[in-house]
Amino acid sequence: MEYQNYWQAIRTKVCTKCVDGDGFGNCRLDPAIECALLQYLPLIVEAVNRVRSDEMDDYTRELRAITCAQCSHQSVNGYCLLRKEVDCALDRYFPLVVEAIEEVNLGKAQSAHT
């Protein structure tokens, strides 16, 4: 699966608003730290694409089961200090991430019908 379109949509929608950015979409994270949005992009796309709902809680449950379960910051019992401290970009911006992924999916569906 090609993830470039998803990443570009997320960058446009999220990175310009991210507290770890410069307001123009450029990341200011320490180069030794990889943004969770990029690091887990395939898992995030998979989680979002598994859900069809108007409820963000449904997306969040799938995110926790698929993506957060693979993250080294989450303990085996599901506790995540980064989430608790509102320091996880994925958790902080997840509604915008869902919007971005669904917009890409809608564009793909419309292209397939033309």
PDB file of N, CA and C in Angstrom:
ATOM      1  N   MET A   1       0.850  -1.187   0.000  1.00  0.00           N
ATOM      2  CA  MET A   1       0.000   0.000   0.000  1.00  0.00           C
ATOM      3  C   MET A   1       0.889   1.242   0.000  1.00  0.00           C
ATOM      4  N   GLU A   2       0.517   2.202  -0.758  1.00  0.00           N
ATOM      5  CA  GLU A   2       1.258   3.463  -0.838  1.00  0.00           C
ATOM      6  C   GLU A   2       0.800   4.381   0.302  1.00  0.00           C
ATOM      7  N   TYR A   3       1.750   4.834   1.109  1.00  0.00           N
ATOM      8  CA  TYR A   3       1.422   5.668   2.264  1.00  0.00           C
ATOM      9  C   TYR A   3       1.757   7.135   2.059  1.00  0.00           C
ATOM     10  N   GLN A   4       2.395   7.472   0.953  1.00  0.00           N
ATOM     11  CA  GLN A   4       2.822   8.849   0.719  1.00  0.00           C
ATOM     12  C   GLN A   4       1.642   9.824   0.734  1.00  0.00           C
ATOM     13  N   ASN A   5       0.532   9.445   0.116  1.00  0.00           N
ATOM     14  CA  ASN A   5      -0.638  10.330   0.106  1.00  0.00           C
ATOM     15  C   ASN A   5      -1.178  10.547   1.513  1.00  0.00           C
ATOM     16  N   TYR A   6      -1.171   9.479   2.305  1.00  0.00           N
ATOM     17  CA  TYR A   6      -1.634   9.607   3.697  1.00  0.00           C
ATOM     18  C   TYR A   6      -0.704  10.527   4.483  1.00  0.00           C
ATOM     19  N   TRP A   7       0.600  10.309   4.320  1.00  0.00           N
ATOM     20  CA  TRP A   7       1.562  11.133   5.062  1.00  0.00           C
ATOM     21  C   TRP A   7       1.439  12.606   4.672  1.00  0.00           C
ATOM     22  N   GLN A   8       1.288  12.886   3.394  1.00  0.00           N
ATOM     23  CA  GLN A   8       1.159  14.276   2.945  1.00  0.00           C
ATOM     24  C   GLN A   8      -0.103  14.911   3.516  1.00  0.00           C
ATOM     25  N   ALA A   9      -1.205  14.173   3.532  1.00  0.00           N
ATOM     26  CA  ALA A   9      -2.461  14.700   4.081  1.00  0.00           C
ATOM     27  C   ALA A   9      -2.330  14.960   5.580  1.00  0.00           C
ATOM     28  N   ILE A  10      -1.671  14.063   6.290  1.00  0.00           N
ATOM     29  CA  ILE A  10      -1.458  14.249   7.733  1.00  0.00           C
ATOM     30  C   ILE A  10      -0.550  15.443   7.974  1.00  0.00           C
ATOM     31  N   ARG A  11       0.513  15.553   7.208  1.00  0.00           N
ATOM     32  CA  ARG A  11       1.419  16.708   7.372  1.00  0.00           C
ATOM     33  C   ARG A  11       0.669  18.020   7.179  1.00  0.00           C
ATOM     34  N   THR A  12      -0.179  18.071   6.158  1.00  0.00           N
ATOM     35  CA  THR A  12      -0.929  19.287   5.869  1.00  0.00           C
ATOM     36  C   THR A  12      -1.900  19.622   6.988  1.00  0.00           C
ATOM     37  N   LYS A  13      -2.586  18.615   7.488  1.00  0.00           N
ATOM     38  CA  LYS A  13      -3.637  18.836   8.478  1.00  0.00           C
ATOM     39  C   LYS A  13      -3.096  18.957   9.901  1.00  0.00           C
ATOM     40  N   VAL A  14      -2.047  18.230  10.222  1.00  0.00           N
ATOM     41  CA  VAL A  14      -1.584  18.138  11.603  1.00  0.00           C
ATOM     42  C   VAL A  14      -0.307  18.926  11.868  1.00  0.00           C
ATOM     43  N   CYS A  15       0.688  18.753  11.037  1.00  0.00           N
ATOM     44  CA  CYS A  15       2.013  19.301  11.340  1.00  0.00           C
ATOM     45  C   CYS A  15       2.022  20.817  11.461  1.00  0.00           C
ATOM     46  N   THR A  16       1.136  21.500  10.772  1.00  0.00           N
ATOM     47  CA  THR A  16       1.076  22.957  10.879  1.00  0.00           C
ATOM     48  C   THR A  16       0.511  23.400  12.233  1.00  0.00           C
ATOM     49  N   LYS A  17      -0.152  22.476  12.942  1.00  0.00           N
ATOM     50  CA  LYS A  17      -0.749  22.791  14.236  1.00  0.00           C
ATOM     51  C   LYS A  17       0.014  22.191  15.414  1.00  0.00           C
ATOM     52  N   CYS A  18       0.955  21.330  15.115  1.00  0.00           N
ATOM     53  CA  CYS A  18       1.662  20.576  16.143  1.00  0.00           C
ATOM     54  C   CYS A  18       2.513  21.491  17.027  1.00  0.00           C
ATOM     55  N   VAL A  19       2.466  21.232  18.339  1.00  0.00           N
ATOM     56  CA  VAL A  19       3.265  22.021  19.279  1.00  0.00           C
ATOM     57  C   VAL A  19       4.758  21.763  19.117  1.00  0.00           C
ATOM     58  N   ASP A  20       5.109  20.661  18.452  1.00  0.00           N
ATOM     59  CA  ASP A  20       6.512  20.344  18.204  1.00  0.00           C
ATOM     60  C   ASP A  20       6.983  20.865  16.849  1.00  0.00           C
ATOM     61  N   GLY A  21       6.153  21.676  16.205  1.00  0.00           N
ATOM     62  CA  GLY A  21       6.492  22.222  14.898  1.00  0.00           C
ATOM     63  C   GLY A  21       6.719  23.718  14.964  1.00  0.00           C
ATOM     64  N   ASP A  22       6.997  24.289  13.810  1.00  0.00           N
ATOM     65  CA  ASP A  22       7.270  25.724  13.736  1.00  0.00           C
ATOM     66  C   ASP A  22       6.069  26.532  13.246  1.00  0.00           C
ATOM     67  N   GLY A  23       4.912  25.875  13.100  1.00  0.00           N
ATOM     68  CA  GLY A  23       3.716  26.565  12.614  1.00  0.00           C
ATOM     69  C   GLY A  23       3.576  26.541  11.103  1.00  0.00           C
ATOM     70  N   PHE A  24       4.612  26.093  10.425  1.00  0.00           N
ATOM     71  CA  PHE A  24       4.608  26.026   8.965  1.00  0.00           C
ATOM     72  C   PHE A  24       4.692  24.588   8.470  1.00  0.00           C
ATOM     73  N   GLY A  25       4.576  23.627   9.396  1.00  0.00           N
ATOM     74  CA  GLY A  25       4.628  22.216   9.034  1.00  0.00           C
ATOM     75  C   GLY A  25       5.994  21.580   9.167  1.00  0.00           C
ATOM     76  N   ASN A  26       6.972  22.344   9.636  1.00  0.00           N
ATOM     77  CA  ASN A  26       8.319  21.813   9.826  1.00  0.00           C
ATOM     78  C   ASN A  26       8.485  21.331  11.259  1.00  0.00           C
ATOM     79  N   CYS A  27       8.986  20.125  11.411  1.00  0.00           N
ATOM     80  CA  CYS A  27       9.134  19.512  12.721  1.00  0.00           C
ATOM     81  C   CYS A  27      10.362  20.054  13.448  1.00  0.00           C
ATOM     82  N   ARG A  28      10.183  20.312  14.741  1.00  0.00           N
ATOM     83  CA  ARG A  28      11.304  20.762  15.571  1.00  0.00           C
ATOM     84  C   ARG A  28      11.697  19.721  16.610  1.00  0.00           C
ATOM     85  N   LEU A  29      11.205  18.483  16.434  1.00  0.00           N
ATOM     86  CA  LEU A  29      11.622  17.423  17.343  1.00  0.00           C
ATOM     87  C   LEU A  29      13.120  17.177  17.196  1.00  0.00           C
ATOM     88  N   ASP A  30      13.744  16.754  18.259  1.00  0.00           N
ATOM     89  CA  ASP A  30      15.134  16.350  18.213  1.00  0.00           C
ATOM     90  C   ASP A  30      15.267  15.279  17.127  1.00  0.00           C
ATOM     91  N   PRO A  31      16.250  15.386  16.247  1.00  0.00           N
ATOM     92  CA  PRO A  31      16.406  14.407  15.161  1.00  0.00           C
ATOM     93  C   PRO A  31      16.511  12.960  15.651  1.00  0.00           C
ATOM     94  N   ALA A  32      16.885  12.760  16.907  1.00  0.00           N
ATOM     95  CA  ALA A  32      16.984  11.409  17.459  1.00  0.00           C
ATOM     96  C   ALA A  32      15.611  10.829  17.805  1.00  0.00           C
ATOM     97  N   ILE A  33      14.582  11.675  17.794  1.00  0.00           N
ATOM     98  CA  ILE A  33      13.225  11.248  18.135  1.00  0.00           C
ATOM     99  C   ILE A  33      12.388  11.226  16.866  1.00  0.00           C
ATOM    100  N   GLU A  34      11.809  10.079  16.572  1.00  0.00           N
ATOM    101  CA  GLU A  34      10.937   9.986  15.402  1.00  0.00           C
ATOM    102  C   GLU A  34       9.500  10.235  15.833  1.00  0.00           C
ATOM    103  N   CYS A  35       8.823  11.086  15.104  1.00  0.00           N
ATOM    104  CA  CYS A  35       7.428  11.390  15.378  1.00  0.00           C
ATOM    105  C   CYS A  35       6.606  10.113  15.281  1.00  0.00           C
ATOM    106  N   ALA A  36       5.721   9.892  16.249  1.00  0.00           N
ATOM    107  CA  ALA A  36       4.877   8.696  16.265  1.00  0.00           C
ATOM    108  C   ALA A  36       3.990   8.628  15.025  1.00  0.00           C
ATOM    109  N   LEU A  37       3.613   9.782  14.492  1.00  0.00           N
ATOM    110  CA  LEU A  37       2.755   9.786  13.302  1.00  0.00           C
ATOM    111  C   LEU A  37       3.464   9.146  12.110  1.00  0.00           C
ATOM    112  N   LEU A  38       4.720   9.425  11.956  1.00  0.00           N
ATOM    113  CA  LEU A  38       5.492   8.835  10.858  1.00  0.00           C
ATOM    114  C   LEU A  38       5.945   7.425  11.201  1.00  0.00           C
ATOM    115  N   GLN A  39       6.403   7.229  12.414  1.00  0.00           N
ATOM    116  CA  GLN A  39       6.915   5.933  12.840  1.00  0.00           C
ATOM    117  C   GLN A  39       5.872   4.826  12.696  1.00  0.00           C
ATOM    118  N   TYR A  40       4.636   5.130  13.032  1.00  0.00           N
ATOM    119  CA  TYR A  40       3.580   4.114  13.031  1.00  0.00           C
ATOM    120  C   TYR A  40       2.559   4.315  11.918  1.00  0.00           C
ATOM    121  N   LEU A  41       2.913   5.060  10.895  1.00  0.00           N
ATOM    122  CA  LEU A  41       1.963   5.393   9.833  1.00  0.00           C
ATOM    123  C   LEU A  41       1.216   4.182   9.268  1.00  0.00           C
ATOM    124  N   PRO A  42       1.876   3.105   8.878  1.00  0.00           N
ATOM    125  CA  PRO A  42       1.117   1.964   8.331  1.00  0.00           C
ATOM    126  C   PRO A  42       0.093   1.400   9.326  1.00  0.00           C
ATOM    127  N   LEU A  43       0.470   1.324  10.595  1.00  0.00           N
ATOM    128  CA  LEU A  43      -0.454   0.812  11.613  1.00  0.00           C
ATOM    129  C   LEU A  43      -1.609   1.780  11.848  1.00  0.00           C
ATOM    130  N   ILE A  44      -1.320   3.070  11.802  1.00  0.00           N
ATOM    131  CA  ILE A  44      -2.362   4.080  11.990  1.00  0.00           C
ATOM    132  C   ILE A  44      -3.376   3.999  10.855  1.00  0.00           C
ATOM    133  N   VAL A  45      -2.888   3.925   9.632  1.00  0.00           N
ATOM    134  CA  VAL A  45      -3.777   3.824   8.468  1.00  0.00           C
ATOM    135  C   VAL A  45      -4.617   2.556   8.568  1.00  0.00           C
ATOM    136  N   GLU A  46      -3.992   1.447   8.955  1.00  0.00           N
ATOM    137  CA  GLU A  46      -4.730   0.198   9.116  1.00  0.00           C
ATOM    138  C   GLU A  46      -5.832   0.347  10.157  1.00  0.00           C
ATOM    139  N   ALA A  47      -5.509   0.941  11.296  1.00  0.00           N
ATOM    140  CA  ALA A  47      -6.498   1.109  12.369  1.00  0.00           C
ATOM    141  C   ALA A  47      -7.674   1.958  11.901  1.00  0.00           C
ATOM    142  N   VAL A  48      -7.393   3.072  11.265  1.00  0.00           N
ATOM    143  CA  VAL A  48      -8.463   3.962  10.804  1.00  0.00           C
ATOM    144  C   VAL A  48      -9.297   3.275   9.729  1.00  0.00           C
ATOM    145  N   ASN A  49      -8.660   2.577   8.818  1.00  0.00           N
ATOM    146  CA  ASN A  49      -9.382   1.934   7.719  1.00  0.00           C
ATOM    147  C   ASN A  49     -10.237   0.756   8.157  1.00  0.00           C
ATOM    148  N   ARG A  50     -10.020   0.256   9.348  1.00  0.00           N
ATOM    149  CA  ARG A  50     -10.846  -0.831   9.873  1.00  0.00           C
ATOM    150  C   ARG A  50     -12.173  -0.346  10.445  1.00  0.00           C
ATOM    151  N   VAL A  51     -12.299   0.945  10.640  1.00  0.00           N
ATOM    152  CA  VAL A  51     -13.464   1.504  11.334  1.00  0.00           C
ATOM    153  C   VAL A  51     -14.318   2.314  10.365  1.00  0.00           C
ATOM    154  N   ARG A  52     -15.609   2.171  10.499  1.00  0.00           N
ATOM    155  CA  ARG A  52     -16.585   3.015   9.800  1.00  0.00           C
ATOM    156  C   ARG A  52     -17.577   3.453  10.861  1.00  0.00           C
ATOM    157  N   SER A  53     -17.387   4.645  11.388  1.00  0.00           N
ATOM    158  CA  SER A  53     -18.209   5.095  12.500  1.00  0.00           C
ATOM    159  C   SER A  53     -18.230   6.615  12.561  1.00  0.00           C
ATOM    160  N   ASP A  54     -19.257   7.135  13.206  1.00  0.00           N
ATOM    161  CA  ASP A  54     -19.322   8.569  13.486  1.00  0.00           C
ATOM    162  C   ASP A  54     -18.767   8.879  14.878  1.00  0.00           C
ATOM    163  N   GLU A  55     -18.359   7.842  15.594  1.00  0.00           N
ATOM    164  CA  GLU A  55     -17.868   7.994  16.964  1.00  0.00           C
ATOM    165  C   GLU A  55     -16.348   7.875  17.020  1.00  0.00           C
ATOM    166  N   MET A  56     -15.679   8.908  17.511  1.00  0.00           N
ATOM    167  CA  MET A  56     -14.223   8.891  17.621  1.00  0.00           C
ATOM    168  C   MET A  56     -13.761   7.797  18.574  1.00  0.00           C
ATOM    169  N   ASP A  57     -14.570   7.458  19.570  1.00  0.00           N
ATOM    170  CA  ASP A  57     -14.191   6.387  20.501  1.00  0.00           C
ATOM    171  C   ASP A  57     -13.962   5.066  19.780  1.00  0.00           C
ATOM    172  N   ASP A  58     -14.720   4.806  18.719  1.00  0.00           N
ATOM    173  CA  ASP A  58     -14.538   3.569  17.954  1.00  0.00           C
ATOM    174  C   ASP A  58     -13.167   3.562  17.279  1.00  0.00           C
ATOM    175  N   TYR A  59     -12.768   4.702  16.744  1.00  0.00           N
ATOM    176  CA  TYR A  59     -11.448   4.819  16.120  1.00  0.00           C
ATOM    177  C   TYR A  59     -10.348   4.691  17.174  1.00  0.00           C
ATOM    178  N   THR A  60     -10.564   5.312  18.311  1.00  0.00           N
ATOM    179  CA  THR A  60      -9.562   5.284  19.377  1.00  0.00           C
ATOM    180  C   THR A  60      -9.361   3.864  19.896  1.00  0.00           C
ATOM    181  N   ARG A  61     -10.429   3.105  20.055  1.00  0.00           N
ATOM    182  CA  ARG A  61     -10.297   1.714  20.496  1.00  0.00           C
ATOM    183  C   ARG A  61      -9.437   0.905  19.520  1.00  0.00           C
ATOM    184  N   GLU A  62      -9.677   1.116  18.234  1.00  0.00           N
ATOM    185  CA  GLU A  62      -8.904   0.394  17.216  1.00  0.00           C
ATOM    186  C   GLU A  62      -7.449   0.862  17.227  1.00  0.00           C
ATOM    187  N   LEU A  63      -7.239   2.145  17.398  1.00  0.00           N
ATOM    188  CA  LEU A  63      -5.882   2.685  17.497  1.00  0.00           C
ATOM    189  C   LEU A  63      -5.132   2.034  18.650  1.00  0.00           C
ATOM    190  N   ARG A  64      -5.761   1.957  19.806  1.00  0.00           N
ATOM    191  CA  ARG A  64      -5.114   1.354  20.982  1.00  0.00           C
ATOM    192  C   ARG A  64      -4.773  -0.116  20.726  1.00  0.00           C
ATOM    193  N   ALA A  65      -5.697  -0.831  20.080  1.00  0.00           N
ATOM    194  CA  ALA A  65      -5.507  -2.262  19.849  1.00  0.00           C
ATOM    195  C   ALA A  65      -4.416  -2.542  18.817  1.00  0.00           C
ATOM    196  N   ILE A  66      -4.323  -1.717  17.793  1.00  0.00           N
ATOM    197  CA  ILE A  66      -3.391  -1.987  16.692  1.00  0.00           C
ATOM    198  C   ILE A  66      -2.074  -1.231  16.850  1.00  0.00           C
ATOM    199  N   THR A  67      -2.155   0.062  17.041  1.00  0.00           N
ATOM    200  CA  THR A  67      -0.955   0.901  17.023  1.00  0.00           C
ATOM    201  C   THR A  67      -0.315   1.013  18.400  1.00  0.00           C
ATOM    202  N   CYS A  68      -1.074   1.426  19.384  1.00  0.00           N
ATOM    203  CA  CYS A  68      -0.503   1.626  20.717  1.00  0.00           C
ATOM    204  C   CYS A  68       0.053   0.322  21.293  1.00  0.00           C
ATOM    205  N   ALA A  69      -0.557  -0.786  20.943  1.00  0.00           N
ATOM    206  CA  ALA A  69      -0.078  -2.082  21.423  1.00  0.00           C
ATOM    207  C   ALA A  69       1.337  -2.381  20.931  1.00  0.00           C
ATOM    208  N   GLN A  70       1.762  -1.754  19.844  1.00  0.00           N
ATOM    209  CA  GLN A  70       3.103  -1.950  19.287  1.00  0.00           C
ATOM    210  C   GLN A  70       4.115  -0.922  19.793  1.00  0.00           C
ATOM    211  N   CYS A  71       3.641   0.096  20.468  1.00  0.00           N
ATOM    212  CA  CYS A  71       4.503   1.207  20.896  1.00  0.00           C
ATOM    213  C   CYS A  71       5.271   0.850  22.165  1.00  0.00           C
ATOM    214  N   SER A  72       6.537   1.182  22.181  1.00  0.00           N
ATOM    215  CA  SER A  72       7.385   0.882  23.336  1.00  0.00           C
ATOM    216  C   SER A  72       7.040   1.737  24.558  1.00  0.00           C
ATOM    217  N   HIS A  73       6.272   2.794  24.370  1.00  0.00           N
ATOM    218  CA  HIS A  73       5.906   3.656  25.493  1.00  0.00           C
ATOM    219  C   HIS A  73       4.703   3.130  26.271  1.00  0.00           C
ATOM    220  N   GLN A  74       3.986   2.168  25.702  1.00  0.00           N
ATOM    221  CA  GLN A  74       2.819   1.622  26.383  1.00  0.00           C
ATOM    222  C   GLN A  74       3.214   0.343  27.112  1.00  0.00           C
ATOM    223  N   SER A  75       2.773   0.216  28.353  1.00  0.00           N
ATOM    224  CA  SER A  75       3.064  -0.992  29.124  1.00  0.00           C
ATOM    225  C   SER A  75       2.140  -2.126  28.695  1.00  0.00           C
ATOM    226  N   VAL A  76       2.423  -3.322  29.151  1.00  0.00           N
ATOM    227  CA  VAL A  76       1.610  -4.480  28.781  1.00  0.00           C
ATOM    228  C   VAL A  76       0.180  -4.355  29.296  1.00  0.00           C
ATOM    229  N   ASN A  77      -0.037  -3.569  30.332  1.00  0.00           N
ATOM    230  CA  ASN A  77      -1.396  -3.393  30.846  1.00  0.00           C
ATOM    231  C   ASN A  77      -2.127  -2.210  30.193  1.00  0.00           C
ATOM    232  N   GLY A  78      -1.505  -1.598  29.172  1.00  0.00           N
ATOM    233  CA  GLY A  78      -2.163  -0.531  28.419  1.00  0.00           C
ATOM    234  C   GLY A  78      -1.900   0.872  28.924  1.00  0.00           C
ATOM    235  N   TYR A  79      -1.077   1.023  29.944  1.00  0.00           N
ATOM    236  CA  TYR A  79      -0.768   2.350  30.479  1.00  0.00           C
ATOM    237  C   TYR A  79       0.310   3.020  29.634  1.00  0.00           C
ATOM    238  N   CYS A  80       0.115   4.286  29.343  1.00  0.00           N
ATOM    239  CA  CYS A  80       1.096   5.042  28.570  1.00  0.00           C
ATOM    240  C   CYS A  80       1.314   6.402  29.223  1.00  0.00           C
ATOM    241  N   LEU A  81       2.511   6.626  29.701  1.00  0.00           N
ATOM    242  CA  LEU A  81       2.846   7.897  30.339  1.00  0.00           C
ATOM    243  C   LEU A  81       2.778   9.044  29.342  1.00  0.00           C
ATOM    244  N   LEU A  82       3.194   8.804  28.098  1.00  0.00           N
ATOM    245  CA  LEU A  82       3.133   9.871  27.089  1.00  0.00           C
ATOM    246  C   LEU A  82       1.691  10.339  26.869  1.00  0.00           C
ATOM    247  N   ARG A  83       0.757   9.385  26.787  1.00  0.00           N
ATOM    248  CA  ARG A  83      -0.655   9.759  26.633  1.00  0.00           C
ATOM    249  C   ARG A  83      -1.136  10.515  27.860  1.00  0.00           C
ATOM    250  N   LYS A  84      -0.784  10.007  29.039  1.00  0.00           N
ATOM    251  CA  LYS A  84      -1.217  10.639  30.292  1.00  0.00           C
ATOM    252  C   LYS A  84      -0.710  12.079  30.378  1.00  0.00           C
ATOM    253  N   GLU A  85       0.503  12.303  29.917  1.00  0.00           N
ATOM    254  CA  GLU A  85       1.118  13.638  29.976  1.00  0.00           C
ATOM    255  C   GLU A  85       0.767  14.486  28.753  1.00  0.00           C
ATOM    256  N   VAL A  86      -0.100  13.990  27.885  1.00  0.00           N
ATOM    257  CA  VAL A  86      -0.497  14.648  26.631  1.00  0.00           C
ATOM    258  C   VAL A  86       0.762  14.984  25.814  1.00  0.00           C
ATOM    259  N   ASP A  87       1.666  14.018  25.763  1.00  0.00           N
ATOM    260  CA  ASP A  87       2.923  14.224  25.058  1.00  0.00           C
ATOM    261  C   ASP A  87       3.075  13.287  23.864  1.00  0.00           C
ATOM    262  N   CYS A  88       1.998  12.617  23.476  1.00  0.00           N
ATOM    263  CA  CYS A  88       2.015  11.744  22.310  1.00  0.00           C
ATOM    264  C   CYS A  88       1.292  12.464  21.177  1.00  0.00           C
ATOM    265  N   ALA A  89       2.029  12.762  20.124  1.00  0.00           N
ATOM    266  CA  ALA A  89       1.430  13.484  18.989  1.00  0.00           C
ATOM    267  C   ALA A  89       0.288  12.695  18.373  1.00  0.00           C
ATOM    268  N   LEU A  90       0.421  11.392  18.314  1.00  0.00           N
ATOM    269  CA  LEU A  90      -0.633  10.564  17.740  1.00  0.00           C
ATOM    270  C   LEU A  90      -1.917  10.708  18.552  1.00  0.00           C
ATOM    271  N   ASP A  91      -1.805  10.609  19.842  1.00  0.00           N
ATOM    272  CA  ASP A  91      -2.988  10.721  20.698  1.00  0.00           C
ATOM    273  C   ASP A  91      -3.550  12.145  20.669  1.00  0.00           C
ATOM    274  N   ARG A  92      -2.689  13.120  20.722  1.00  0.00           N
ATOM    275  CA  ARG A  92      -3.087  14.525  20.770  1.00  0.00           C
ATOM    276  C   ARG A  92      -3.833  14.961  19.511  1.00  0.00           C
ATOM    277  N   TYR A  93      -3.380  14.476  18.368  1.00  0.00           N
ATOM    278  CA  TYR A  93      -3.939  14.929  17.092  1.00  0.00           C
ATOM    279  C   TYR A  93      -4.738  13.854  16.360  1.00  0.00           C
ATOM    280  N   PHE A  94      -5.104  12.798  17.062  1.00  0.00           N
ATOM    281  CA  PHE A  94      -5.748  11.685  16.393  1.00  0.00           C
ATOM    282  C   PHE A  94      -7.018  12.057  15.626  1.00  0.00           C
ATOM    283  N   PRO A  95      -7.900  12.910  16.145  1.00  0.00           N
ATOM    284  CA  PRO A  95      -9.076  13.282  15.335  1.00  0.00           C
ATOM    285  C   PRO A  95      -8.687  13.908  13.989  1.00  0.00           C
ATOM    286  N   LEU A  96      -7.654  14.725  13.968  1.00  0.00           N
ATOM    287  CA  LEU A  96      -7.185  15.315  12.707  1.00  0.00           C
ATOM    288  C   LEU A  96      -6.560  14.254  11.801  1.00  0.00           C
ATOM    289  N   VAL A  97      -5.884  13.293  12.388  1.00  0.00           N
ATOM    290  CA  VAL A  97      -5.289  12.196  11.624  1.00  0.00           C
ATOM    291  C   VAL A  97      -6.389  11.390  10.943  1.00  0.00           C
ATOM    292  N   VAL A  98      -7.448  11.093  11.682  1.00  0.00           N
ATOM    293  CA  VAL A  98      -8.581  10.352  11.115  1.00  0.00           C
ATOM    294  C   VAL A  98      -9.176  11.130   9.947  1.00  0.00           C
ATOM    295  N   GLU A  99      -9.383  12.425  10.128  1.00  0.00           N
ATOM    296  CA  GLU A  99      -9.912  13.262   9.043  1.00  0.00           C
ATOM    297  C   GLU A  99      -9.026  13.186   7.808  1.00  0.00           C
ATOM    298  N   ALA A 100      -7.725  13.306   8.012  1.00  0.00           N
ATOM    299  CA  ALA A 100      -6.787  13.298   6.888  1.00  0.00           C
ATOM    300  C   ALA A 100      -6.835  11.964   6.144  1.00  0.00           C
ATOM    301  N   ILE A 101      -6.836  10.868   6.867  1.00  0.00           N
ATOM    302  CA  ILE A 101      -6.865   9.544   6.242  1.00  0.00           C
ATOM    303  C   ILE A 101      -8.172   9.340   5.501  1.00  0.00           C
ATOM    304  N   GLU A 102      -9.266   9.741   6.105  1.00  0.00           N
ATOM    305  CA  GLU A 102     -10.563   9.566   5.446  1.00  0.00           C
ATOM    306  C   GLU A 102     -10.688  10.460   4.208  1.00  0.00           C
ATOM    307  N   GLU A 103     -10.085  11.626   4.222  1.00  0.00           N
ATOM    308  CA  GLU A 103     -10.094  12.490   3.031  1.00  0.00           C
ATOM    309  C   GLU A 103      -9.320  11.834   1.888  1.00  0.00           C
ATOM    310  N   VAL A 104      -8.186  11.213   2.199  1.00  0.00           N
ATOM    311  CA  VAL A 104      -7.424  10.502   1.175  1.00  0.00           C
ATOM    312  C   VAL A 104      -8.249   9.345   0.629  1.00  0.00           C
ATOM    313  N   ASN A 105      -8.879   8.609   1.508  1.00  0.00           N
ATOM    314  CA  ASN A 105      -9.710   7.477   1.083  1.00  0.00           C
ATOM    315  C   ASN A 105     -10.854   7.931   0.204  1.00  0.00           C
ATOM    316  N   LEU A 106     -11.484   9.046   0.547  1.00  0.00           N
ATOM    317  CA  LEU A 106     -12.576   9.589  -0.250  1.00  0.00           C
ATOM    318  C   LEU A 106     -12.068   9.986  -1.636  1.00  0.00           C
ATOM    319  N   GLY A 107     -10.915  10.612  -1.688  1.00  0.00           N
ATOM    320  CA  GLY A 107     -10.321  10.986  -2.969  1.00  0.00           C
ATOM    321  C   GLY A 107     -10.016   9.771  -3.830  1.00  0.00           C
ATOM    322  N   LYS A 108      -9.534   8.692  -3.213  1.00  0.00           N
ATOM    323  CA  LYS A 108      -9.264   7.459  -3.958  1.00  0.00           C
ATOM    324  C   LYS A 108     -10.556   6.856  -4.489  1.00  0.00           C
ATOM    325  N   ALA A 109     -11.604   6.871  -3.656  1.00  0.00           N
ATOM    326  CA  ALA A 109     -12.887   6.306  -4.073  1.00  0.00           C
ATOM    327  C   ALA A 109     -13.489   7.104  -5.226  1.00  0.00           C
ATOM    328  N   GLN A 110     -13.373   8.431  -5.143  1.00  0.00           N
ATOM    329  CA  GLN A 110     -13.920   9.278  -6.216  1.00  0.00           C
ATOM    330  C   GLN A 110     -13.137   9.078  -7.508  1.00  0.00           C
ATOM    331  N   SER A 111     -11.827   8.914  -7.409  1.00  0.00           N
ATOM    332  CA  SER A 111     -11.008   8.685  -8.594  1.00  0.00           C
ATOM    333  C   SER A 111     -11.336   7.348  -9.253  1.00  0.00           C
ATOM    334  N   ALA A 112     -11.668   6.367  -8.432  1.00  0.00           N
ATOM    335  CA  ALA A 112     -11.995   5.039  -8.961  1.00  0.00           C
ATOM    336  C   ALA A 112     -13.322   5.034  -9.712  1.00  0.00           C
ATOM    337  N   HIS A 113     -14.209   5.992  -9.389  1.00  0.00           N
ATOM    338  CA  HIS A 113     -15.532   6.048 -10.002  1.00  0.00           C
ATOM    339  C   HIS A 113     -15.576   6.962 -11.239  1.00  0.00           C
ATOM    340  N   THR A 114     -14.465   7.600 -11.544  1.00  0.00           N
ATOM    341  CA  THR A 114     -14.455   8.501 -12.701  1.00  0.00           C
ATOM    342  C   THR A 114     -13.730   7.902 -13.876  1.00  0.00           C
TER     343      THR A 114
END
